[in-house]
Amino acid sequence: MLRFRANRRRRNALSEFFDWPTWDMLLDLAAERAEGGHVSVSSVCISSGAPQSTALRKLAALESAKLVERYFHGKDRRRVCIRLTEQAAEMVASALRDELAVYHSLMPVR
């Protein structure tokens, strides 16, 4: 599993986003996307598990790479939320499919 994760980071042009805490942020945003929810900037920073200054730097890097975008919450225009772009959603989904395949190979169905 560790080799798989290391290979994923080496092969991908966006490898910097597969390390903690950025990967945790992407996973949180992907989960909320799947559930149809909204994620505030402060919430995604908290979900990263990193100090706020680190999380905000990582969030800025994700924005610069066009992997996330900010928007105003529909019901409360004071809240700024974050969502994955289509490119990021596909990147996360692809990485998760690869990771699940490795898990399944390690634990064959009986």
PDB file of N, CA and C in Angstrom:
ATOM      1  N   MET A   1       0.825  -1.185   0.000  1.00  0.00           N
ATOM      2  CA  MET A   1       0.000   0.000   0.000  1.00  0.00           C
ATOM      3  C   MET A   1       0.874   1.255   0.000  1.00  0.00           C
ATOM      4  N   LEU A   2       1.924   1.205   0.793  1.00  0.00           N
ATOM      5  CA  LEU A   2       2.825   2.359   0.827  1.00  0.00           C
ATOM      6  C   LEU A   2       3.490   2.570  -0.533  1.00  0.00           C
ATOM      7  N   ARG A   3       3.876   1.462  -1.191  1.00  0.00           N
ATOM      8  CA  ARG A   3       4.464   1.581  -2.534  1.00  0.00           C
ATOM      9  C   ARG A   3       3.454   2.182  -3.511  1.00  0.00           C
ATOM     10  N   PHE A   4       2.204   1.723  -3.415  1.00  0.00           N
ATOM     11  CA  PHE A   4       1.166   2.252  -4.291  1.00  0.00           C
ATOM     12  C   PHE A   4       1.034   3.761  -4.118  1.00  0.00           C
ATOM     13  N   ARG A   5       0.962   4.203  -2.894  1.00  0.00           N
ATOM     14  CA  ARG A   5       0.797   5.636  -2.637  1.00  0.00           C
ATOM     15  C   ARG A   5       2.006   6.432  -3.100  1.00  0.00           C
ATOM     16  N   ALA A   6       3.193   5.882  -2.896  1.00  0.00           N
ATOM     17  CA  ALA A   6       4.402   6.562  -3.365  1.00  0.00           C
ATOM     18  C   ALA A   6       4.411   6.640  -4.887  1.00  0.00           C
ATOM     19  N   ASN A   7       4.029   5.561  -5.554  1.00  0.00           N
ATOM     20  CA  ASN A   7       3.964   5.566  -7.020  1.00  0.00           C
ATOM     21  C   ASN A   7       2.943   6.569  -7.525  1.00  0.00           C
ATOM     22  N   ARG A   8       1.818   6.659  -6.852  1.00  0.00           N
ATOM     23  CA  ARG A   8       0.778   7.605  -7.249  1.00  0.00           C
ATOM     24  C   ARG A   8       1.318   9.031  -7.197  1.00  0.00           C
ATOM     25  N   ARG A   9       2.063   9.324  -6.162  1.00  0.00           N
ATOM     26  CA  ARG A   9       2.636  10.670  -6.033  1.00  0.00           C
ATOM     27  C   ARG A   9       3.685  10.928  -7.103  1.00  0.00           C
ATOM     28  N   ARG A  10       4.476   9.928  -7.435  1.00  0.00           N
ATOM     29  CA  ARG A  10       5.530  10.114  -8.433  1.00  0.00           C
ATOM     30  C   ARG A  10       4.982  10.232  -9.851  1.00  0.00           C
ATOM     31  N   ARG A  11       3.948   9.490 -10.175  1.00  0.00           N
ATOM     32  CA  ARG A  11       3.420   9.445 -11.548  1.00  0.00           C
ATOM     33  C   ARG A  11       2.558  10.630 -11.905  1.00  0.00           C
ATOM     34  N   ASN A  12       1.913  11.214 -10.977  1.00  0.00           N
ATOM     35  CA  ASN A  12       0.926  12.235 -11.259  1.00  0.00           C
ATOM     36  C   ASN A  12       1.569  13.615 -11.314  1.00  0.00           C
ATOM     37  N   ALA A  13       1.218  14.367 -12.361  1.00  0.00           N
ATOM     38  CA  ALA A  13       1.757  15.730 -12.498  1.00  0.00           C
ATOM     39  C   ALA A  13       1.311  16.621 -11.347  1.00  0.00           C
ATOM     40  N   LEU A  14       0.219  16.254 -10.703  1.00  0.00           N
ATOM     41  CA  LEU A  14      -0.306  17.026  -9.575  1.00  0.00           C
ATOM     42  C   LEU A  14       0.037  16.347  -8.257  1.00  0.00           C
ATOM     43  N   SER A  15       1.173  15.689  -8.200  1.00  0.00           N
ATOM     44  CA  SER A  15       1.528  14.850  -7.048  1.00  0.00           C
ATOM     45  C   SER A  15       1.552  15.590  -5.717  1.00  0.00           C
ATOM     46  N   GLU A  16       1.826  16.875  -5.736  1.00  0.00           N
ATOM     47  CA  GLU A  16       1.878  17.614  -4.472  1.00  0.00           C
ATOM     48  C   GLU A  16       0.543  17.601  -3.736  1.00  0.00           C
ATOM     49  N   PHE A  17      -0.535  17.319  -4.451  1.00  0.00           N
ATOM     50  CA  PHE A  17      -1.859  17.341  -3.843  1.00  0.00           C
ATOM     51  C   PHE A  17      -2.280  15.992  -3.266  1.00  0.00           C
ATOM     52  N   PHE A  18      -1.398  14.996  -3.353  1.00  0.00           N
ATOM     53  CA  PHE A  18      -1.705  13.686  -2.790  1.00  0.00           C
ATOM     54  C   PHE A  18      -1.096  13.503  -1.407  1.00  0.00           C
ATOM     55  N   ASP A  19      -0.447  14.514  -0.882  1.00  0.00           N
ATOM     56  CA  ASP A  19       0.146  14.437   0.447  1.00  0.00           C
ATOM     57  C   ASP A  19      -0.764  15.116   1.460  1.00  0.00           C
ATOM     58  N   TRP A  20      -0.577  14.717   2.728  1.00  0.00           N
ATOM     59  CA  TRP A  20      -1.313  15.336   3.814  1.00  0.00           C
ATOM     60  C   TRP A  20      -0.858  16.783   3.924  1.00  0.00           C
ATOM     61  N   PRO A  21      -1.694  17.723   4.243  1.00  0.00           N
ATOM     62  CA  PRO A  21      -3.119  17.655   4.517  1.00  0.00           C
ATOM     63  C   PRO A  21      -3.994  17.878   3.274  1.00  0.00           C
ATOM     64  N   THR A  22      -3.348  18.120   2.136  1.00  0.00           N
ATOM     65  CA  THR A  22      -4.117  18.440   0.935  1.00  0.00           C
ATOM     66  C   THR A  22      -5.029  17.297   0.516  1.00  0.00           C
ATOM     67  N   TRP A  23      -4.531  16.064   0.600  1.00  0.00           N
ATOM     68  CA  TRP A  23      -5.343  14.922   0.212  1.00  0.00           C
ATOM     69  C   TRP A  23      -6.577  14.810   1.106  1.00  0.00           C
ATOM     70  N   ASP A  24      -6.409  15.068   2.409  1.00  0.00           N
ATOM     71  CA  ASP A  24      -7.554  15.037   3.319  1.00  0.00           C
ATOM     72  C   ASP A  24      -8.598  16.095   2.929  1.00  0.00           C
ATOM     73  N   MET A  25      -8.128  17.242   2.491  1.00  0.00           N
ATOM     74  CA  MET A  25      -9.046  18.298   2.072  1.00  0.00           C
ATOM     75  C   MET A  25      -9.806  17.853   0.815  1.00  0.00           C
ATOM     76  N   LEU A  26      -9.097  17.276  -0.135  1.00  0.00           N
ATOM     77  CA  LEU A  26      -9.734  16.814  -1.363  1.00  0.00           C
ATOM     78  C   LEU A  26     -10.762  15.721  -1.077  1.00  0.00           C
ATOM     79  N   LEU A  27     -10.418  14.806  -0.160  1.00  0.00           N
ATOM     80  CA  LEU A  27     -11.360  13.746   0.195  1.00  0.00           C
ATOM     81  C   LEU A  27     -12.618  14.321   0.856  1.00  0.00           C
ATOM     82  N   ASP A  28     -12.437  15.284   1.741  1.00  0.00           N
ATOM     83  CA  ASP A  28     -13.586  15.915   2.392  1.00  0.00           C
ATOM     84  C   ASP A  28     -14.478  16.601   1.360  1.00  0.00           C
ATOM     85  N   LEU A  29     -13.867  17.308   0.435  1.00  0.00           N
ATOM     86  CA  LEU A  29     -14.642  17.990  -0.603  1.00  0.00           C
ATOM     87  C   LEU A  29     -15.339  16.990  -1.528  1.00  0.00           C
ATOM     88  N   ALA A  30     -14.683  15.873  -1.818  1.00  0.00           N
ATOM     89  CA  ALA A  30     -15.301  14.842  -2.660  1.00  0.00           C
ATOM     90  C   ALA A  30     -16.499  14.216  -1.958  1.00  0.00           C
ATOM     91  N   ALA A  31     -16.371  13.985  -0.661  1.00  0.00           N
ATOM     92  CA  ALA A  31     -17.481  13.400   0.101  1.00  0.00           C
ATOM     93  C   ALA A  31     -18.674  14.350   0.118  1.00  0.00           C
ATOM     94  N   GLU A  32     -18.433  15.614   0.347  1.00  0.00           N
ATOM     95  CA  GLU A  32     -19.534  16.589   0.362  1.00  0.00           C
ATOM     96  C   GLU A  32     -20.152  16.732  -1.017  1.00  0.00           C
ATOM     97  N   ARG A  33     -19.318  16.648  -2.046  1.00  0.00           N
ATOM     98  CA  ARG A  33     -19.844  16.698  -3.422  1.00  0.00           C
ATOM     99  C   ARG A  33     -20.806  15.537  -3.656  1.00  0.00           C
ATOM    100  N   ALA A  34     -20.406  14.348  -3.210  1.00  0.00           N
ATOM    101  CA  ALA A  34     -21.238  13.153  -3.391  1.00  0.00           C
ATOM    102  C   ALA A  34     -22.551  13.269  -2.619  1.00  0.00           C
ATOM    103  N   GLU A  35     -22.509  13.952  -1.488  1.00  0.00           N
ATOM    104  CA  GLU A  35     -23.704  14.108  -0.657  1.00  0.00           C
ATOM    105  C   GLU A  35     -24.515  15.342  -1.020  1.00  0.00           C
ATOM    106  N   GLY A  36     -23.975  16.170  -1.905  1.00  0.00           N
ATOM    107  CA  GLY A  36     -24.691  17.376  -2.315  1.00  0.00           C
ATOM    108  C   GLY A  36     -24.642  18.493  -1.298  1.00  0.00           C
ATOM    109  N   GLY A  37     -23.662  18.454  -0.406  1.00  0.00           N
ATOM    110  CA  GLY A  37     -23.555  19.474   0.634  1.00  0.00           C
ATOM    111  C   GLY A  37     -22.645  20.619   0.248  1.00  0.00           C
ATOM    112  N   HIS A  38     -22.467  21.509   1.185  1.00  0.00           N
ATOM    113  CA  HIS A  38     -21.593  22.671   1.018  1.00  0.00           C
ATOM    114  C   HIS A  38     -20.492  22.593   2.065  1.00  0.00           C
ATOM    115  N   VAL A  39     -19.302  23.026   1.697  1.00  0.00           N
ATOM    116  CA  VAL A  39     -18.177  23.035   2.626  1.00  0.00           C
ATOM    117  C   VAL A  39     -17.641  24.452   2.717  1.00  0.00           C
ATOM    118  N   SER A  40     -17.659  24.992   3.917  1.00  0.00           N
ATOM    119  CA  SER A  40     -17.114  26.338   4.110  1.00  0.00           C
ATOM    120  C   SER A  40     -15.594  26.272   4.132  1.00  0.00           C
ATOM    121  N   VAL A  41     -14.980  27.415   3.912  1.00  0.00           N
ATOM    122  CA  VAL A  41     -13.527  27.497   3.955  1.00  0.00           C
ATOM    123  C   VAL A  41     -13.021  27.025   5.316  1.00  0.00           C
ATOM    124  N   SER A  42     -13.649  27.488   6.385  1.00  0.00           N
ATOM    125  CA  SER A  42     -13.186  27.093   7.718  1.00  0.00           C
ATOM    126  C   SER A  42     -13.371  25.600   7.943  1.00  0.00           C
ATOM    127  N   SER A  43     -14.439  25.022   7.433  1.00  0.00           N
ATOM    128  CA  SER A  43     -14.684  23.596   7.605  1.00  0.00           C
ATOM    129  C   SER A  43     -13.638  22.750   6.891  1.00  0.00           C
ATOM    130  N   VAL A  44     -13.294  23.131   5.668  1.00  0.00           N
ATOM    131  CA  VAL A  44     -12.283  22.344   4.943  1.00  0.00           C
ATOM    132  C   VAL A  44     -10.917  22.484   5.614  1.00  0.00           C
ATOM    133  N   CYS A  45     -10.654  23.614   6.199  1.00  0.00           N
ATOM    134  CA  CYS A  45      -9.394  23.788   6.940  1.00  0.00           C
ATOM    135  C   CYS A  45      -9.377  22.878   8.170  1.00  0.00           C
ATOM    136  N   ILE A  46     -10.482  22.813   8.866  1.00  0.00           N
ATOM    137  CA  ILE A  46     -10.574  21.948  10.047  1.00  0.00           C
ATOM    138  C   ILE A  46     -10.437  20.482   9.643  1.00  0.00           C
ATOM    139  N   SER A  47     -11.083  20.092   8.555  1.00  0.00           N
ATOM    140  CA  SER A  47     -11.048  18.689   8.132  1.00  0.00           C
ATOM    141  C   SER A  47      -9.651  18.238   7.732  1.00  0.00           C
ATOM    142  N   SER A  48      -8.787  19.173   7.383  1.00  0.00           N
ATOM    143  CA  SER A  48      -7.419  18.805   6.986  1.00  0.00           C
ATOM    144  C   SER A  48      -6.601  18.304   8.162  1.00  0.00           C
ATOM    145  N   GLY A  49      -6.972  18.722   9.362  1.00  0.00           N
ATOM    146  CA  GLY A  49      -6.219  18.334  10.542  1.00  0.00           C
ATOM    147  C   GLY A  49      -4.920  19.107  10.721  1.00  0.00           C
ATOM    148  N   ALA A  50      -4.702  20.073   9.863  1.00  0.00           N
ATOM    149  CA  ALA A  50      -3.469  20.875   9.913  1.00  0.00           C
ATOM    150  C   ALA A  50      -3.753  22.201  10.601  1.00  0.00           C
ATOM    151  N   PRO A  51      -2.709  22.882  11.039  1.00  0.00           N
ATOM    152  CA  PRO A  51      -2.912  24.236  11.558  1.00  0.00           C
ATOM    153  C   PRO A  51      -3.577  25.105  10.476  1.00  0.00           C
ATOM    154  N   GLN A  52      -4.369  26.057  10.890  1.00  0.00           N
ATOM    155  CA  GLN A  52      -5.127  26.866   9.944  1.00  0.00           C
ATOM    156  C   GLN A  52      -4.224  27.534   8.903  1.00  0.00           C
ATOM    157  N   SER A  53      -3.082  28.046   9.314  1.00  0.00           N
ATOM    158  CA  SER A  53      -2.195  28.721   8.355  1.00  0.00           C
ATOM    159  C   SER A  53      -1.724  27.746   7.274  1.00  0.00           C
ATOM    160  N   THR A  54      -1.410  26.515   7.666  1.00  0.00           N
ATOM    161  CA  THR A  54      -0.989  25.499   6.695  1.00  0.00           C
ATOM    162  C   THR A  54      -2.145  25.147   5.773  1.00  0.00           C
ATOM    163  N   ALA A  55      -3.312  24.928   6.348  1.00  0.00           N
ATOM    164  CA  ALA A  55      -4.485  24.560   5.557  1.00  0.00           C
ATOM    165  C   ALA A  55      -4.837  25.664   4.557  1.00  0.00           C
ATOM    166  N   LEU A  56      -4.752  26.905   4.963  1.00  0.00           N
ATOM    167  CA  LEU A  56      -5.059  28.008   4.048  1.00  0.00           C
ATOM    168  C   LEU A  56      -4.039  28.091   2.920  1.00  0.00           C
ATOM    169  N   ARG A  57      -2.780  27.813   3.219  1.00  0.00           N
ATOM    170  CA  ARG A  57      -1.748  27.776   2.169  1.00  0.00           C
ATOM    171  C   ARG A  57      -2.035  26.657   1.170  1.00  0.00           C
ATOM    172  N   LYS A  58      -2.404  25.493   1.686  1.00  0.00           N
ATOM    173  CA  LYS A  58      -2.724  24.356   0.818  1.00  0.00           C
ATOM    174  C   LYS A  58      -3.965  24.652  -0.017  1.00  0.00           C
ATOM    175  N   LEU A  59      -4.937  25.288   0.585  1.00  0.00           N
ATOM    176  CA  LEU A  59      -6.146  25.665  -0.133  1.00  0.00           C
ATOM    177  C   LEU A  59      -5.821  26.653  -1.256  1.00  0.00           C
ATOM    178  N   ALA A  60      -4.951  27.598  -0.979  1.00  0.00           N
ATOM    179  CA  ALA A  60      -4.529  28.549  -2.009  1.00  0.00           C
ATOM    180  C   ALA A  60      -3.826  27.833  -3.161  1.00  0.00           C
ATOM    181  N   ALA A  61      -3.015  26.834  -2.841  1.00  0.00           N
ATOM    182  CA  ALA A  61      -2.343  26.055  -3.892  1.00  0.00           C
ATOM    183  C   ALA A  61      -3.361  25.290  -4.731  1.00  0.00           C
ATOM    184  N   LEU A  62      -4.378  24.727  -4.081  1.00  0.00           N
ATOM    185  CA  LEU A  62      -5.432  24.025  -4.821  1.00  0.00           C
ATOM    186  C   LEU A  62      -6.179  24.988  -5.744  1.00  0.00           C
ATOM    187  N   GLU A  63      -6.422  26.193  -5.261  1.00  0.00           N
ATOM    188  CA  GLU A  63      -7.097  27.191  -6.095  1.00  0.00           C
ATOM    189  C   GLU A  63      -6.221  27.603  -7.273  1.00  0.00           C
ATOM    190  N   SER A  64      -4.958  27.807  -7.023  1.00  0.00           N
ATOM    191  CA  SER A  64      -4.035  28.193  -8.100  1.00  0.00           C
ATOM    192  C   SER A  64      -3.960  27.126  -9.183  1.00  0.00           C
ATOM    193  N   ALA A  65      -4.060  25.866  -8.765  1.00  0.00           N
ATOM    194  CA  ALA A  65      -4.016  24.750  -9.709  1.00  0.00           C
ATOM    195  C   ALA A  65      -5.380  24.495 -10.357  1.00  0.00           C
ATOM    196  N   LYS A  66      -6.376  25.320 -10.024  1.00  0.00           N
ATOM    197  CA  LYS A  66      -7.733  25.186 -10.562  1.00  0.00           C
ATOM    198  C   LYS A  66      -8.378  23.845 -10.195  1.00  0.00           C
ATOM    199  N   LEU A  67      -8.086  23.365  -8.972  1.00  0.00           N
ATOM    200  CA  LEU A  67      -8.678  22.124  -8.484  1.00  0.00           C
ATOM    201  C   LEU A  67      -9.862  22.380  -7.563  1.00  0.00           C
ATOM    202  N   VAL A  68      -9.923  23.571  -6.995  1.00  0.00           N
ATOM    203  CA  VAL A  68     -11.073  23.968  -6.194  1.00  0.00           C
ATOM    204  C   VAL A  68     -11.470  25.383  -6.592  1.00  0.00           C
ATOM    205  N   GLU A  69     -12.720  25.695  -6.284  1.00  0.00           N
ATOM    206  CA  GLU A  69     -13.203  27.047  -6.541  1.00  0.00           C
ATOM    207  C   GLU A  69     -14.097  27.488  -5.394  1.00  0.00           C
ATOM    208  N   ARG A  70     -14.078  28.779  -5.159  1.00  0.00           N
ATOM    209  CA  ARG A  70     -14.917  29.364  -4.106  1.00  0.00           C
ATOM    210  C   ARG A  70     -16.242  29.817  -4.705  1.00  0.00           C
ATOM    211  N   TYR A  71     -17.272  29.780  -3.876  1.00  0.00           N
ATOM    212  CA  TYR A  71     -18.574  30.283  -4.296  1.00  0.00           C
ATOM    213  C   TYR A  71     -19.341  30.703  -3.047  1.00  0.00           C
ATOM    214  N   PHE A  72     -20.352  31.525  -3.243  1.00  0.00           N
ATOM    215  CA  PHE A  72     -21.197  31.940  -2.133  1.00  0.00           C
ATOM    216  C   PHE A  72     -22.289  30.916  -1.928  1.00  0.00           C
ATOM    217  N   HIS A  73     -22.549  30.578  -0.678  1.00  0.00           N
ATOM    218  CA  HIS A  73     -23.614  29.648  -0.326  1.00  0.00           C
ATOM    219  C   HIS A  73     -24.939  30.226  -0.810  1.00  0.00           C
ATOM    220  N   GLY A  74     -25.754  29.397  -1.408  1.00  0.00           N
ATOM    221  CA  GLY A  74     -27.010  29.865  -2.000  1.00  0.00           C
ATOM    222  C   GLY A  74     -27.967  30.520  -1.028  1.00  0.00           C
ATOM    223  N   LYS A  75     -28.088  30.005   0.195  1.00  0.00           N
ATOM    224  CA  LYS A  75     -29.050  30.538   1.155  1.00  0.00           C
ATOM    225  C   LYS A  75     -28.459  31.587   2.081  1.00  0.00           C
ATOM    226  N   ASP A  76     -27.164  31.566   2.228  1.00  0.00           N
ATOM    227  CA  ASP A  76     -26.504  32.512   3.128  1.00  0.00           C
ATOM    228  C   ASP A  76     -25.313  33.108   2.381  1.00  0.00           C
ATOM    229  N   ARG A  77     -25.529  34.235   1.737  1.00  0.00           N
ATOM    230  CA  ARG A  77     -24.499  34.846   0.882  1.00  0.00           C
ATOM    231  C   ARG A  77     -23.285  35.335   1.672  1.00  0.00           C
ATOM    232  N   ARG A  78     -23.360  35.283   2.997  1.00  0.00           N
ATOM    233  CA  ARG A  78     -22.198  35.658   3.807  1.00  0.00           C
ATOM    234  C   ARG A  78     -21.183  34.531   3.871  1.00  0.00           C
ATOM    235  N   ARG A  79     -21.639  33.290   3.633  1.00  0.00           N
ATOM    236  CA  ARG A  79     -20.761  32.122   3.721  1.00  0.00           C
ATOM    237  C   ARG A  79     -20.065  31.860   2.390  1.00  0.00           C
ATOM    238  N   VAL A  80     -18.750  31.758   2.438  1.00  0.00           N
ATOM    239  CA  VAL A  80     -17.974  31.395   1.263  1.00  0.00           C
ATOM    240  C   VAL A  80     -17.664  29.907   1.373  1.00  0.00           C
ATOM    241  N   CYS A  81     -17.998  29.180   0.327  1.00  0.00           N
ATOM    242  CA  CYS A  81     -17.801  27.735   0.319  1.00  0.00           C
ATOM    243  C   CYS A  81     -16.772  27.352  -0.732  1.00  0.00           C
ATOM    244  N   ILE A  82     -16.325  26.130  -0.640  1.00  0.00           N
ATOM    245  CA  ILE A  82     -15.315  25.582  -1.545  1.00  0.00           C
ATOM    246  C   ILE A  82     -15.889  24.328  -2.188  1.00  0.00           C
ATOM    247  N   ARG A  83     -15.609  24.134  -3.473  1.00  0.00           N
ATOM    248  CA  ARG A  83     -15.996  22.884  -4.127  1.00  0.00           C
ATOM    249  C   ARG A  83     -14.898  22.452  -5.090  1.00  0.00           C
ATOM    250  N   LEU A  84     -14.902  21.157  -5.375  1.00  0.00           N
ATOM    251  CA  LEU A  84     -13.963  20.605  -6.349  1.00  0.00           C
ATOM    252  C   LEU A  84     -14.355  21.048  -7.754  1.00  0.00           C
ATOM    253  N   THR A  85     -13.365  21.267  -8.598  1.00  0.00           N
ATOM    254  CA  THR A  85     -13.642  21.454 -10.012  1.00  0.00           C
ATOM    255  C   THR A  85     -13.838  20.066 -10.624  1.00  0.00           C
ATOM    256  N   GLU A  86     -14.306  20.015 -11.841  1.00  0.00           N
ATOM    257  CA  GLU A  86     -14.490  18.725 -12.519  1.00  0.00           C
ATOM    258  C   GLU A  86     -13.162  17.967 -12.618  1.00  0.00           C
ATOM    259  N   GLN A  87     -12.083  18.685 -12.929  1.00  0.00           N
ATOM    260  CA  GLN A  87     -10.757  18.054 -13.029  1.00  0.00           C
ATOM    261  C   GLN A  87     -10.369  17.408 -11.709  1.00  0.00           C
ATOM    262  N   ALA A  88     -10.581  18.101 -10.626  1.00  0.00           N
ATOM    263  CA  ALA A  88     -10.221  17.570  -9.313  1.00  0.00           C
ATOM    264  C   ALA A  88     -11.103  16.387  -8.941  1.00  0.00           C
ATOM    265  N   ALA A  89     -12.390  16.480  -9.259  1.00  0.00           N
ATOM    266  CA  ALA A  89     -13.304  15.382  -8.939  1.00  0.00           C
ATOM    267  C   ALA A  89     -12.870  14.109  -9.655  1.00  0.00           C
ATOM    268  N   GLU A  90     -12.479  14.230 -10.909  1.00  0.00           N
ATOM    269  CA  GLU A  90     -12.016  13.055 -11.659  1.00  0.00           C
ATOM    270  C   GLU A  90     -10.683  12.545 -11.110  1.00  0.00           C
ATOM    271  N   MET A  91      -9.792  13.451 -10.733  1.00  0.00           N
ATOM    272  CA  MET A  91      -8.501  13.058 -10.169  1.00  0.00           C
ATOM    273  C   MET A  91      -8.698  12.257  -8.880  1.00  0.00           C
ATOM    274  N   VAL A  92      -9.576  12.738  -8.002  1.00  0.00           N
ATOM    275  CA  VAL A  92      -9.841  12.056  -6.738  1.00  0.00           C
ATOM    276  C   VAL A  92     -10.512  10.714  -7.000  1.00  0.00           C
ATOM    277  N   ALA A  93     -11.504  10.698  -7.888  1.00  0.00           N
ATOM    278  CA  ALA A  93     -12.204   9.441  -8.193  1.00  0.00           C
ATOM    279  C   ALA A  93     -11.246   8.403  -8.769  1.00  0.00           C
ATOM    280  N   SER A  94     -10.383   8.809  -9.653  1.00  0.00           N
ATOM    281  CA  SER A  94      -9.413   7.896 -10.255  1.00  0.00           C
ATOM    282  C   SER A  94      -8.456   7.334  -9.205  1.00  0.00           C
ATOM    283  N   ALA A  95      -7.964   8.202  -8.345  1.00  0.00           N
ATOM    284  CA  ALA A  95      -7.053   7.754  -7.287  1.00  0.00           C
ATOM    285  C   ALA A  95      -7.752   6.783  -6.343  1.00  0.00           C
ATOM    286  N   LEU A  96      -9.008   7.056  -6.026  1.00  0.00           N
ATOM    287  CA  LEU A  96      -9.756   6.166  -5.128  1.00  0.00           C
ATOM    288  C   LEU A  96     -10.044   4.820  -5.789  1.00  0.00           C
ATOM    289  N   ARG A  97     -10.345   4.833  -7.084  1.00  0.00           N
ATOM    290  CA  ARG A  97     -10.559   3.555  -7.798  1.00  0.00           C
ATOM    291  C   ARG A  97      -9.286   2.716  -7.758  1.00  0.00           C
ATOM    292  N   ASP A  98      -8.149   3.348  -8.015  1.00  0.00           N
ATOM    293  CA  ASP A  98      -6.871   2.634  -7.976  1.00  0.00           C
ATOM    294  C   ASP A  98      -6.591   2.083  -6.586  1.00  0.00           C
ATOM    295  N   GLU A  99      -6.860   2.892  -5.579  1.00  0.00           N
ATOM    296  CA  GLU A  99      -6.610   2.471  -4.208  1.00  0.00           C
ATOM    297  C   GLU A  99      -7.532   1.321  -3.800  1.00  0.00           C
ATOM    298  N   LEU A 100      -8.786   1.395  -4.186  1.00  0.00           N
ATOM    299  CA  LEU A 100      -9.722   0.304  -3.881  1.00  0.00           C
ATOM    300  C   LEU A 100      -9.307  -0.992  -4.562  1.00  0.00           C
ATOM    301  N   ALA A 101      -8.799  -0.895  -5.781  1.00  0.00           N
ATOM    302  CA  ALA A 101      -8.324  -2.098  -6.481  1.00  0.00           C
ATOM    303  C   ALA A 101      -7.192  -2.759  -5.707  1.00  0.00           C
ATOM    304  N   VAL A 102      -6.308  -1.941  -5.136  1.00  0.00           N
ATOM    305  CA  VAL A 102      -5.214  -2.500  -4.338  1.00  0.00           C
ATOM    306  C   VAL A 102      -5.775  -3.170  -3.088  1.00  0.00           C
ATOM    307  N   TYR A 103      -6.707  -2.536  -2.411  1.00  0.00           N
ATOM    308  CA  TYR A 103      -7.315  -3.142  -1.220  1.00  0.00           C
ATOM    309  C   TYR A 103      -7.982  -4.474  -1.564  1.00  0.00           C
ATOM    310  N   HIS A 104      -8.714  -4.494  -2.668  1.00  0.00           N
ATOM    311  CA  HIS A 104      -9.397  -5.734  -3.066  1.00  0.00           C
ATOM    312  C   HIS A 104      -8.397  -6.844  -3.382  1.00  0.00           C
ATOM    313  N   SER A 105      -7.257  -6.477  -3.963  1.00  0.00           N
ATOM    314  CA  SER A 105      -6.246  -7.499  -4.278  1.00  0.00           C
ATOM    315  C   SER A 105      -5.602  -8.049  -3.007  1.00  0.00           C
ATOM    316  N   LEU A 106      -5.573  -7.263  -1.960  1.00  0.00           N
ATOM    317  CA  LEU A 106      -4.986  -7.701  -0.708  1.00  0.00           C
ATOM    318  C   LEU A 106      -5.937  -8.567   0.105  1.00  0.00           C
ATOM    319  N   MET A 107      -7.230  -8.380  -0.111  1.00  0.00           N
ATOM    320  CA  MET A 107      -8.243  -9.105   0.648  1.00  0.00           C
ATOM    321  C   MET A 107      -9.213  -9.777  -0.311  1.00  0.00           C
ATOM    322  N   PRO A 108      -8.818 -10.916  -0.891  1.00  0.00           N
ATOM    323  CA  PRO A 108      -9.706 -11.568  -1.853  1.00  0.00           C
ATOM    324  C   PRO A 108     -11.024 -11.999  -1.226  1.00  0.00           C
ATOM    325  N   VAL A 109     -12.061 -11.944  -2.030  1.00  0.00           N
ATOM    326  CA  VAL A 109     -13.412 -12.351  -1.585  1.00  0.00           C
ATOM    327  C   VAL A 109     -13.455 -13.856  -1.508  1.00  0.00           C
ATOM    328  N   ARG A 110     -14.050 -14.371  -0.441  1.00  0.00           N
ATOM    329  CA  ARG A 110     -14.148 -15.835  -0.268  1.00  0.00           C
ATOM    330  C   ARG A 110     -15.482 -16.330  -0.679  1.00  0.00           C
TER     331      ARG A 110
END
